[in-house]
C-alpha atoms as a PDB file:
ATOM      1  CA  MET A   1       0.000   0.000   0.000  1.00  0.00           C
ATOM      2  CA  ALA A   2       1.160   3.553  -0.708  1.00  0.00           C
ATOM      3  CA  GLU A   3       2.651   5.511   2.172  1.00  0.00           C
ATOM      4  CA  ARG A   4       0.679   8.312   3.770  1.00  0.00           C
ATOM      5  CA  ASP A   5       1.920  11.630   2.309  1.00  0.00           C
ATOM      6  CA  GLN A   6       1.960  14.157   5.157  1.00  0.00           C
ATOM      7  CA  LYS A   7       3.311  16.987   3.011  1.00  0.00           C
ATOM      8  CA  ALA A   8       0.625  16.557   0.346  1.00  0.00           C
ATOM      9  CA  ILE A   9      -2.150  16.534   2.937  1.00  0.00           C
ATOM     10  CA  ILE A  10      -0.882  19.657   4.686  1.00  0.00           C
ATOM     11  CA  GLN A  11      -0.540  21.359   1.307  1.00  0.00           C
ATOM     12  CA  ARG A  12      -4.215  20.628   0.630  1.00  0.00           C
ATOM     13  CA  LEU A  13      -5.168  22.158   3.967  1.00  0.00           C
ATOM     14  CA  THR A  14      -3.003  25.260   3.624  1.00  0.00           C
ATOM     15  CA  GLU A  15      -4.297  25.903   0.106  1.00  0.00           C
ATOM     16  CA  GLU A  16      -7.842  25.969   1.456  1.00  0.00           C
ATOM     17  CA  MET A  17      -6.763  28.097   4.407  1.00  0.00           C
ATOM     18  CA  ASP A  18      -5.285  30.640   2.039  1.00  0.00           C
ATOM     19  CA  LYS A  19      -8.628  30.929   0.198  1.00  0.00           C
ATOM     20  CA  ASP A  20     -10.381  31.786   3.479  1.00  0.00           C
ATOM     21  CA  ASN A  21      -7.529  33.970   4.751  1.00  0.00           C
ATOM     22  CA  LEU A  22      -7.038  31.844   7.867  1.00  0.00           C
ATOM     23  CA  ASP A  23      -3.954  31.991  10.062  1.00  0.00           C
ATOM     24  CA  ALA A  24      -4.412  28.593  11.705  1.00  0.00           C
ATOM     25  CA  LEU A  25      -6.757  25.649  12.195  1.00  0.00           C
ATOM     26  CA  ILE A  26      -7.730  24.086  15.501  1.00  0.00           C
ATOM     27  CA  LEU A  27      -8.847  20.516  14.788  1.00  0.00           C
ATOM     28  CA  THR A  28     -10.871  18.669  17.409  1.00  0.00           C
ATOM     29  CA  SER A  29     -12.745  15.816  15.690  1.00  0.00           C
ATOM     30  CA  GLY A  30     -11.159  12.383  15.440  1.00  0.00           C
ATOM     31  CA  ASP A  31     -11.202  12.268  11.640  1.00  0.00           C
ATOM     32  CA  ALA A  32      -9.829  15.814  11.219  1.00  0.00           C
ATOM     33  CA  VAL A  33      -6.975  15.187  13.668  1.00  0.00           C
ATOM     34  CA  PHE A  34      -6.171  11.909  11.906  1.00  0.00           C
ATOM     35  CA  TYR A  35      -6.289  13.532   8.469  1.00  0.00           C
ATOM     36  CA  ALA A  36      -3.928  16.352   9.435  1.00  0.00           C
ATOM     37  CA  THR A  37      -1.449  14.402  11.578  1.00  0.00           C
ATOM     38  CA  GLY A  38      -1.746  10.664  10.916  1.00  0.00           C
ATOM     39  CA  TYR A  39      -2.601  10.059  14.583  1.00  0.00           C
ATOM     40  CA  ALA A  40      -5.925   8.332  15.307  1.00  0.00           C
ATOM     41  CA  SER A  41      -6.789   9.468  18.828  1.00  0.00           C
ATOM     42  CA  ARG A  42      -8.503   6.874  20.975  1.00  0.00           C
ATOM     43  CA  ASP A  43      -9.710   9.717  23.216  1.00  0.00           C
ATOM     44  CA  LEU A  44     -11.671  11.135  20.284  1.00  0.00           C
ATOM     45  CA  TYR A  45     -12.704   7.993  18.412  1.00  0.00           C
ATOM     46  CA  LYS A  46     -13.587   5.677  21.306  1.00  0.00           C
ATOM     47  CA  ASN A  47     -13.852   7.642  24.536  1.00  0.00           C
ATOM     48  CA  GLY A  48     -15.725  10.614  23.104  1.00  0.00           C
ATOM     49  CA  GLN A  49     -13.437  12.875  25.107  1.00  0.00           C
ATOM     50  CA  THR A  50     -13.774  16.108  23.123  1.00  0.00           C
ATOM     51  CA  GLY A  51     -10.658  18.188  23.684  1.00  0.00           C
ATOM     52  CA  GLY A  52      -8.597  15.255  24.931  1.00  0.00           C
ATOM     53  CA  THR A  53      -6.547  15.600  21.749  1.00  0.00           C
ATOM     54  CA  VAL A  54      -6.162  18.793  19.725  1.00  0.00           C
ATOM     55  CA  ALA A  55      -4.262  19.367  16.474  1.00  0.00           C
ATOM     56  CA  VAL A  56      -3.089  22.666  14.989  1.00  0.00           C
ATOM     57  CA  VAL A  57      -2.138  23.537  11.422  1.00  0.00           C
ATOM     58  CA  THR A  58      -0.794  27.021  10.706  1.00  0.00           C
ATOM     59  CA  LYS A  59      -0.912  28.815   7.373  1.00  0.00           C
ATOM     60  CA  ASP A  60       2.804  28.155   6.809  1.00  0.00           C
ATOM     61  CA  GLY A  61       2.257  24.409   7.238  1.00  0.00           C
ATOM     62  CA  ARG A  62       3.516  23.963  10.784  1.00  0.00           C
ATOM     63  CA  THR A  63       1.599  21.056  12.298  1.00  0.00           C
ATOM     64  CA  GLY A  64       1.349  20.110  15.943  1.00  0.00           C
ATOM     65  CA  ILE A  65      -0.693  17.905  18.211  1.00  0.00           C
ATOM     66  CA  VAL A  66      -1.501  18.036  21.922  1.00  0.00           C
ATOM     67  CA  VAL A  67      -2.057  14.675  23.627  1.00  0.00           C
ATOM     68  CA  SER A  68      -2.072  13.304  27.149  1.00  0.00           C
ATOM     69  CA  GLU A  69       1.096  11.676  28.450  1.00  0.00           C
ATOM     70  CA  PHE A  70      -0.879   8.418  28.513  1.00  0.00           C
ATOM     71  CA  ALA A  71      -1.255   8.660  24.714  1.00  0.00           C
ATOM     72  CA  ARG A  72       2.204  10.091  24.077  1.00  0.00           C
ATOM     73  CA  ARG A  73       4.003   6.948  22.885  1.00  0.00           C
ATOM     74  CA  THR A  74       1.229   5.992  20.477  1.00  0.00           C
ATOM     75  CA  ALA A  75       1.268   9.477  18.980  1.00  0.00           C
ATOM     76  CA  GLU A  76       5.047   9.458  18.637  1.00  0.00           C
ATOM     77  CA  MET A  77       4.937   6.169  16.721  1.00  0.00           C
ATOM     78  CA  ALA A  78       2.124   7.338  14.425  1.00  0.00           C
ATOM     79  CA  VAL A  79       3.209  10.781  13.227  1.00  0.00           C
ATOM     80  CA  ASP A  80       5.942  12.048  10.933  1.00  0.00           C
ATOM     81  CA  GLY A  81       6.878  15.707  10.704  1.00  0.00           C
ATOM     82  CA  VAL A  82       4.367  16.661  13.400  1.00  0.00           C
ATOM     83  CA  GLU A  83       5.358  18.354  16.658  1.00  0.00           C
ATOM     84  CA  ILE A  84       3.946  16.857  19.853  1.00  0.00           C
ATOM     85  CA  ILE A  85       3.121  18.491  23.176  1.00  0.00           C
ATOM     86  CA  PHE A  86       1.891  16.218  25.954  1.00  0.00           C
ATOM     87  CA  TYR A  87       0.209  17.021  29.240  1.00  0.00           C
ATOM     88  CA  PRO A  88       0.018  15.043  32.519  1.00  0.00           C
ATOM     89  CA  THR A  89      -3.099  13.080  33.433  1.00  0.00           C
ATOM     90  CA  TRP A  90      -4.351  11.727  36.745  1.00  0.00           C
ATOM     91  CA  ILE A  91      -3.031   8.271  35.721  1.00  0.00           C
ATOM     92  CA  TYR A  92       0.265   7.376  37.413  1.00  0.00           C
ATOM     93  CA  ILE A  93       2.898   6.462  34.808  1.00  0.00           C
ATOM     94  CA  GLU A  94       6.191   5.383  36.345  1.00  0.00           C
ATOM     95  CA  ASP A  95       8.229   6.253  33.240  1.00  0.00           C
ATOM     96  CA  TYR A  96       7.241   9.923  33.597  1.00  0.00           C
ATOM     97  CA  ALA A  97       7.171  10.080  37.392  1.00  0.00           C
ATOM     98  CA  ILE A  98       9.202  12.663  39.300  1.00  0.00           C
ATOM     99  CA  GLU A  99       9.822  12.303  43.009  1.00  0.00           C
ATOM    100  CA  GLY A 100       7.379  14.411  44.990  1.00  0.00           C
ATOM    101  CA  MET A 101       5.210  15.190  41.964  1.00  0.00           C
ATOM    102  CA  GLU A 102       1.552  15.997  42.436  1.00  0.00           C
ATOM    103  CA  LYS A 103      -1.249  15.482  39.931  1.00  0.00           C
ATOM    104  CA  GLU A 104      -4.460  17.382  39.455  1.00  0.00           C
ATOM    105  CA  VAL A 105      -7.566  15.491  40.493  1.00  0.00           C
ATOM    106  CA  GLN A 106      -9.681  17.645  38.171  1.00  0.00           C
ATOM    107  CA  PRO A 107      -7.589  18.827  35.205  1.00  0.00           C
ATOM    108  CA  ASP A 108      -8.136  22.193  33.557  1.00  0.00           C
ATOM    109  CA  LEU A 109     -10.741  21.533  30.861  1.00  0.00           C
ATOM    110  CA  ASN A 110      -9.041  24.045  28.559  1.00  0.00           C
ATOM    111  CA  LYS A 111      -5.507  22.748  29.067  1.00  0.00           C
ATOM    112  CA  THR A 112      -5.155  21.269  25.579  1.00  0.00           C
ATOM    113  CA  TYR A 113      -6.266  24.519  23.922  1.00  0.00           C
ATOM    114  CA  LYS A 114      -3.879  26.615  26.014  1.00  0.00           C
ATOM    115  CA  LEU A 115      -1.008  24.308  25.092  1.00  0.00           C
ATOM    116  CA  ALA A 116      -2.047  24.422  21.430  1.00  0.00           C
ATOM    117  CA  LEU A 117      -1.339  28.148  21.411  1.00  0.00           C
ATOM    118  CA  GLN A 118       2.360  27.270  21.516  1.00  0.00           C
ATOM    119  CA  PHE A 119       2.125  26.257  17.852  1.00  0.00           C
ATOM    120  CA  TRP A 120       0.742  29.660  16.906  1.00  0.00           C
ATOM    121  CA  PRO A 121       2.312  31.976  14.333  1.00  0.00           C
ATOM    122  CA  GLU A 122       3.963  35.166  15.509  1.00  0.00           C
ATOM    123  CA  LYS A 123       1.774  37.157  17.857  1.00  0.00           C
ATOM    124  CA  LYS A 124      -0.395  39.659  16.070  1.00  0.00           C
ATOM    125  CA  GLU A 125      -3.811  41.185  16.423  1.00  0.00           C
ATOM    126  CA  GLU A 126      -6.933  39.774  14.820  1.00  0.00           C
ATOM    127  CA  LEU A 127      -5.753  36.261  13.999  1.00  0.00           C
ATOM    128  CA  ARG A 128      -8.382  34.359  11.982  1.00  0.00           C
ATOM    129  CA  ILE A 129      -8.763  30.846  13.358  1.00  0.00           C
ATOM    130  CA  GLY A 130     -10.586  27.924  11.770  1.00  0.00           C
ATOM    131  CA  VAL A 131     -12.511  25.779  14.265  1.00  0.00           C
ATOM    132  CA  GLN A 132     -14.984  22.890  14.371  1.00  0.00           C
ATOM    133  CA  PRO A 133     -17.896  24.240  16.446  1.00  0.00           C
ATOM    134  CA  SER A 134     -19.654  20.861  16.595  1.00  0.00           C
ATOM    135  CA  TYR A 135     -16.577  19.375  18.251  1.00  0.00           C
ATOM    136  CA  LEU A 136     -15.990  22.009  20.932  1.00  0.00           C
ATOM    137  CA  THR A 137     -17.254  21.898  24.500  1.00  0.00           C
ATOM    138  CA  PRO A 138     -18.984  25.060  25.796  1.00  0.00           C
ATOM    139  CA  TYR A 139     -15.902  25.715  27.960  1.00  0.00           C
ATOM    140  CA  ALA A 140     -13.560  25.443  24.989  1.00  0.00           C
ATOM    141  CA  GLY A 141     -15.792  27.572  22.822  1.00  0.00           C
ATOM    142  CA  GLN A 142     -15.842  30.299  25.450  1.00  0.00           C
ATOM    143  CA  PHE A 143     -12.070  30.122  25.928  1.00  0.00           C
ATOM    144  CA  LEU A 144     -11.445  30.502  22.178  1.00  0.00           C
ATOM    145  CA  THR A 145     -13.976  33.338  21.962  1.00  0.00           C
ATOM    146  CA  ASP A 146     -12.302  35.157  24.839  1.00  0.00           C
ATOM    147  CA  THR A 147      -8.871  34.584  23.290  1.00  0.00           C
ATOM    148  CA  PHE A 148      -9.526  35.438  19.635  1.00  0.00           C
ATOM    149  CA  LYS A 149     -12.950  37.170  19.626  1.00  0.00           C
ATOM    150  CA  GLU A 150     -15.990  35.518  18.115  1.00  0.00           C
ATOM    151  CA  LYS A 151     -15.718  37.381  14.795  1.00  0.00           C
ATOM    152  CA  ASN A 152     -12.317  35.770  14.181  1.00  0.00           C
ATOM    153  CA  LEU A 153     -13.496  32.172  14.665  1.00  0.00           C
ATOM    154  CA  VAL A 154     -14.477  30.532  11.370  1.00  0.00           C
ATOM    155  CA  ASP A 155     -16.384  27.263  10.944  1.00  0.00           C
ATOM    156  CA  ILE A 156     -14.188  25.033   8.749  1.00  0.00           C
ATOM    157  CA  LYS A 157     -16.667  22.267   7.956  1.00  0.00           C
ATOM    158  CA  GLN A 158     -16.715  23.170   4.268  1.00  0.00           C
ATOM    159  CA  LEU A 159     -12.965  23.799   4.188  1.00  0.00           C
ATOM    160  CA  LEU A 160     -12.289  20.236   5.369  1.00  0.00           C
ATOM    161  CA  ILE A 161     -14.692  18.862   2.756  1.00  0.00           C
ATOM    162  CA  GLU A 162     -12.887  20.774   0.003  1.00  0.00           C
ATOM    163  CA  ALA A 163      -9.424  19.783   1.253  1.00  0.00           C
ATOM    164  CA  ARG A 164     -10.338  16.097   1.347  1.00  0.00           C
ATOM    165  CA  ALA A 165     -12.192  16.069  -1.975  1.00  0.00           C
ATOM    166  CA  ILE A 166      -8.994  15.316  -3.905  1.00  0.00           C
ATOM    167  CA  LYS A 167      -7.485  12.160  -2.429  1.00  0.00           C
ATOM    168  CA  THR A 168      -3.824  11.231  -2.141  1.00  0.00           C
ATOM    169  CA  PRO A 169      -2.826   7.758  -3.429  1.00  0.00           C
ATOM    170  CA  TRP A 170      -2.758   6.451   0.160  1.00  0.00           C
ATOM    171  CA  GLU A 171      -6.330   7.594   0.838  1.00  0.00           C
ATOM    172  CA  ILE A 172      -7.561   6.028  -2.403  1.00  0.00           C
ATOM    173  CA  GLU A 173      -5.972   2.690  -1.552  1.00  0.00           C
ATOM    174  CA  VAL A 174      -7.426   2.702   1.967  1.00  0.00           C
ATOM    175  CA  LEU A 175     -10.906   3.410   0.608  1.00  0.00           C
ATOM    176  CA  ARG A 176     -10.604   0.706  -2.046  1.00  0.00           C
ATOM    177  CA  GLU A 177      -9.368  -1.865   0.442  1.00  0.00           C
ATOM    178  CA  ALA A 178     -12.181  -1.030   2.881  1.00  0.00           C
ATOM    179  CA  ALA A 179     -14.749  -1.309   0.083  1.00  0.00           C
ATOM    180  CA  HIS A 180     -13.270  -4.655  -0.981  1.00  0.00           C
ATOM    181  CA  TYR A 181     -13.516  -6.096   2.530  1.00  0.00           C
ATOM    182  CA  SER A 182     -17.047  -4.715   2.865  1.00  0.00           C
ATOM    183  CA  GLU A 183     -18.220  -6.490  -0.277  1.00  0.00           C
ATOM    184  CA  LEU A 184     -16.563  -9.743   0.768  1.00  0.00           C
ATOM    185  CA  THR A 185     -18.305  -9.528   4.128  1.00  0.00           C
ATOM    186  CA  MET A 186     -21.712  -8.636   2.688  1.00  0.00           C
ATOM    187  CA  ASN A 187     -21.646 -11.491   0.189  1.00  0.00           C
ATOM    188  CA  LYS A 188     -20.437 -14.109   2.677  1.00  0.00           C
ATOM    189  CA  VAL A 189     -22.905 -13.115   5.402  1.00  0.00           C
ATOM    190  CA  ALA A 190     -25.845 -12.870   2.972  1.00  0.00           C
ATOM    191  CA  LYS A 191     -25.294 -16.480   1.895  1.00  0.00           C
ATOM    192  CA  ALA A 192     -25.021 -17.673   5.506  1.00  0.00           C
ATOM    193  CA  ILE A 193     -28.284 -16.182   6.818  1.00  0.00           C
ATOM    194  CA  VAL A 194     -30.999 -18.811   7.374  1.00  0.00           C
ATOM    195  CA  PRO A 195     -34.467 -18.780   8.956  1.00  0.00           C
ATOM    196  CA  GLY A 196     -34.318 -19.110  12.735  1.00  0.00           C
ATOM    197  CA  MET A 197     -31.329 -16.794  13.157  1.00  0.00           C
ATOM    198  CA  THR A 198     -31.856 -13.548  15.054  1.00  0.00           C
ATOM    199  CA  GLU A 199     -30.734 -10.001  14.339  1.00  0.00           C
ATOM    200  CA  ALA A 200     -28.130 -10.498  17.073  1.00  0.00           C
ATOM    201  CA  ASP A 201     -26.871 -13.614  15.265  1.00  0.00           C
ATOM    202  CA  VAL A 202     -26.545 -11.681  12.006  1.00  0.00           C
ATOM    203  CA  LEU A 203     -24.663  -8.853  13.722  1.00  0.00           C
ATOM    204  CA  GLN A 204     -22.271 -11.293  15.390  1.00  0.00           C
ATOM    205  CA  LEU A 205     -21.690 -13.142  12.129  1.00  0.00           C
ATOM    206  CA  PHE A 206     -21.075  -9.867  10.313  1.00  0.00           C
ATOM    207  CA  ASN A 207     -18.508  -8.719  12.907  1.00  0.00           C
ATOM    208  CA  ILE A 208     -16.662 -12.049  13.000  1.00  0.00           C
ATOM    209  CA  THR A 209     -16.519 -12.202   9.207  1.00  0.00           C
ATOM    210  CA  ALA A 210     -15.438  -8.586   8.745  1.00  0.00           C
ATOM    211  CA  PHE A 211     -12.613  -8.757  11.273  1.00  0.00           C
ATOM    212  CA  SER A 212     -11.331 -12.025   9.802  1.00  0.00           C
ATOM    213  CA  TRP A 213      -9.993 -10.488   6.579  1.00  0.00           C
ATOM    214  CA  SER A 214      -7.119  -8.463   8.008  1.00  0.00           C
ATOM    215  CA  PRO A 215      -5.484  -7.473  11.320  1.00  0.00           C
ATOM    216  CA  ASP A 216      -5.571  -3.891  10.023  1.00  0.00           C
ATOM    217  CA  ILE A 217      -9.373  -3.738  10.395  1.00  0.00           C
ATOM    218  CA  ILE A 218      -9.986  -1.817  13.616  1.00  0.00           C
ATOM    219  CA  ASP A 219     -13.721  -1.196  13.537  1.00  0.00           C
ATOM    220  CA  VAL A 220     -16.840  -2.473  11.813  1.00  0.00           C
ATOM    221  CA  ALA A 221     -20.000  -0.450  11.238  1.00  0.00           C
ATOM    222  CA  ASN A 222     -23.324  -2.245  11.192  1.00  0.00           C
ATOM    223  CA  ALA A 223     -26.772  -1.041  10.121  1.00  0.00           C
ATOM    224  CA  HIS A 224     -28.689  -4.205   9.319  1.00  0.00           C
ATOM    225  CA  THR A 225     -32.430  -4.728   9.564  1.00  0.00           C
ATOM    226  CA  ILE A 226     -34.613  -7.824   9.424  1.00  0.00           C
ATOM    227  CA  GLY A 227     -38.176  -8.367   8.287  1.00  0.00           C
ATOM    228  CA  GLU A 228     -40.670  -5.784   9.530  1.00  0.00           C
ATOM    229  CA  ASN A 229     -38.010  -4.041  11.637  1.00  0.00           C
ATOM    230  CA  PHE A 230     -36.581  -1.481   9.219  1.00  0.00           C
ATOM    231  CA  THR A 231     -34.646   0.548  11.819  1.00  0.00           C
ATOM    232  CA  PRO A 232     -31.098  -0.542  12.755  1.00  0.00           C
ATOM    233  CA  SER A 233     -30.382  -1.122  16.437  1.00  0.00           C
ATOM    234  CA  PHE A 234     -27.242  -0.365  18.417  1.00  0.00           C
ATOM    235  CA  ILE A 235     -28.082  -3.313  20.693  1.00  0.00           C
ATOM    236  CA  PRO A 236     -29.599  -5.837  18.252  1.00  0.00           C
ATOM    237  CA  PRO A 237     -32.857  -7.499  19.330  1.00  0.00           C
ATOM    238  CA  HIS A 238     -33.314 -11.257  19.334  1.00  0.00           C
ATOM    239  CA  THR A 239     -36.060 -11.111  16.711  1.00  0.00           C
ATOM    240  CA  ARG A 240     -36.026 -14.341  14.730  1.00  0.00           C
ATOM    241  CA  ILE A 241     -35.853 -14.425  10.961  1.00  0.00           C
ATOM    242  CA  ASN A 242     -38.771 -16.191   9.336  1.00  0.00           C
ATOM    243  CA  ARG A 243     -38.778 -17.773   5.914  1.00  0.00           C
ATOM    244  CA  GLY A 244     -39.531 -15.056   3.346  1.00  0.00           C
ATOM    245  CA  ASP A 245     -38.259 -12.170   5.516  1.00  0.00           C
ATOM    246  CA  ILE A 246     -36.007  -9.633   3.844  1.00  0.00           C
ATOM    247  CA  SER A 247     -32.598  -9.266   5.488  1.00  0.00           C
ATOM    248  CA  ARG A 248     -31.215  -5.830   4.672  1.00  0.00           C
ATOM    249  CA  LEU A 249     -27.450  -5.647   4.950  1.00  0.00           C
ATOM    250  CA  ASP A 250     -25.910  -2.181   4.806  1.00  0.00           C
ATOM    251  CA  GLY A 251     -24.012  -2.354   1.526  1.00  0.00           C
ATOM    252  CA  GLY A 252     -23.264  -5.061  -1.018  1.00  0.00           C
ATOM    253  CA  ASN A 253     -23.142  -5.303  -4.777  1.00  0.00           C
ATOM    254  CA  VAL A 254     -25.279  -3.049  -6.972  1.00  0.00           C
ATOM    255  CA  ILE A 255     -27.498  -5.189  -9.215  1.00  0.00           C
ATOM    256  CA  GLU A 256     -29.584  -2.444 -10.797  1.00  0.00           C
ATOM    257  CA  GLN A 257     -29.441   1.304 -10.594  1.00  0.00           C
ATOM    258  CA  GLY A 258     -31.419   4.226 -11.939  1.00  0.00           C
ATOM    259  CA  PRO A 259     -34.417   6.370 -11.015  1.00  0.00           C
ATOM    260  CA  PRO A 260     -37.362   4.547  -9.343  1.00  0.00           C
ATOM    261  CA  GLU A 261     -39.627   4.919 -12.382  1.00  0.00           C
ATOM    262  CA  GLU A 262     -37.105   2.937 -14.449  1.00  0.00           C
ATOM    263  CA  ILE A 263     -36.283   0.259 -11.889  1.00  0.00           C
ATOM    264  CA  PHE A 264     -39.921  -0.449 -10.945  1.00  0.00           C
ATOM    265  CA  VAL A 265     -41.448  -0.052 -14.401  1.00  0.00           C
ATOM    266  CA  SER A 266     -38.778  -1.507 -16.681  1.00  0.00           C
ATOM    267  CA  PRO A 267     -36.144  -3.445 -14.696  1.00  0.00           C
ATOM    268  CA  THR A 268     -33.318  -4.782 -16.854  1.00  0.00           C
ATOM    269  CA  GLN A 269     -32.042  -7.585 -14.605  1.00  0.00           C
ATOM    270  CA  GLU A 270     -33.812 -10.921 -14.154  1.00  0.00           C
ATOM    271  CA  ARG A 271     -32.983 -10.876 -10.433  1.00  0.00           C
ATOM    272  CA  THR A 272     -34.768  -7.538 -10.100  1.00  0.00           C
ATOM    273  CA  ARG A 273     -37.854  -8.858 -11.887  1.00  0.00           C
ATOM    274  CA  GLN A 274     -37.954 -11.927  -9.645  1.00  0.00           C
ATOM    275  CA  PHE A 275     -37.621  -9.773  -6.555  1.00  0.00           C
ATOM    276  CA  LEU A 276     -40.456  -7.441  -7.595  1.00  0.00           C
ATOM    277  CA  SER A 277     -42.696 -10.360  -8.508  1.00  0.00           C
ATOM    278  CA  ARG A 278     -42.174 -11.946  -5.104  1.00  0.00           C
ATOM    279  CA  TYR A 279     -42.370  -8.995  -2.778  1.00  0.00           C
ATOM    280  CA  LEU A 280     -44.496  -6.568  -4.778  1.00  0.00           C
ATOM    281  CA  PRO A 281     -46.976  -8.868  -6.521  1.00  0.00           C
ATOM    282  CA  GLU A 282     -49.541  -6.112  -6.875  1.00  0.00           C
ATOM    283  CA  PHE A 283     -47.059  -3.874  -8.671  1.00  0.00           C
ATOM    284  CA  THR A 284     -47.300  -4.088 -12.464  1.00  0.00           C
ATOM    285  CA  TYR A 285     -44.197  -3.488 -14.539  1.00  0.00           C
ATOM    286  CA  ASN A 286     -43.250  -4.039 -18.146  1.00  0.00           C
ATOM    287  CA  ILE A 287     -41.136  -6.958 -19.226  1.00  0.00           C
END
């Protein structure tokens, strides 16, 4: 697989920053931090700890990340060309211990943002800062407003979309590989589903199958529905599958595509015609 190209990614970000006349970005969502630095923060992805990890990209391309000392080693192994600042946590870590040291029981909720200011460009008035409002706590939002003034904080949702629209070779390969494993999983699970299984059985089978393809698979998303239950569940119910029930797996191969009036009136594939005849017997279409 192609190597992740840090320079190319930062160039994409700085080009978009230049269009919006931004001096720096403060990145606080898991995917944005990963995109800009190559570090996938467990605090953000799994723990939902908004602000536990913060990344900064300045208009001249300087990139930094603020992580807890508990996450420090993982970050150091993951990034290349990214500066790291780490802060102490309440967890005792012997490797970082100093005799007589004391730790905060309740850390400063804005600590990561204060440390992130160390990556800032030269001090000047009216810096324009790109932020992710949906991924800021009220405390962080107030701190940034007090520091930079509300008029200088810019929502970068669209900027990130534009920056990521053109993929690097590494991103393309990751997407293709994920799609390949998804199709393998969908096809294998679809053939293994039989009456009597439950939604929980299908979910378990899907997870086991998906993780079996590669040790690089770290998470599996599921949104499957069975029979009359057309809403996916986070905790799958033990509703049994009856003969004739439709099992909807989230994904799979495309058999027929086009606007509804074409698919339902003049389907081109025999499998589509058989499906419509079985499940929509009252629906008349042309053959």
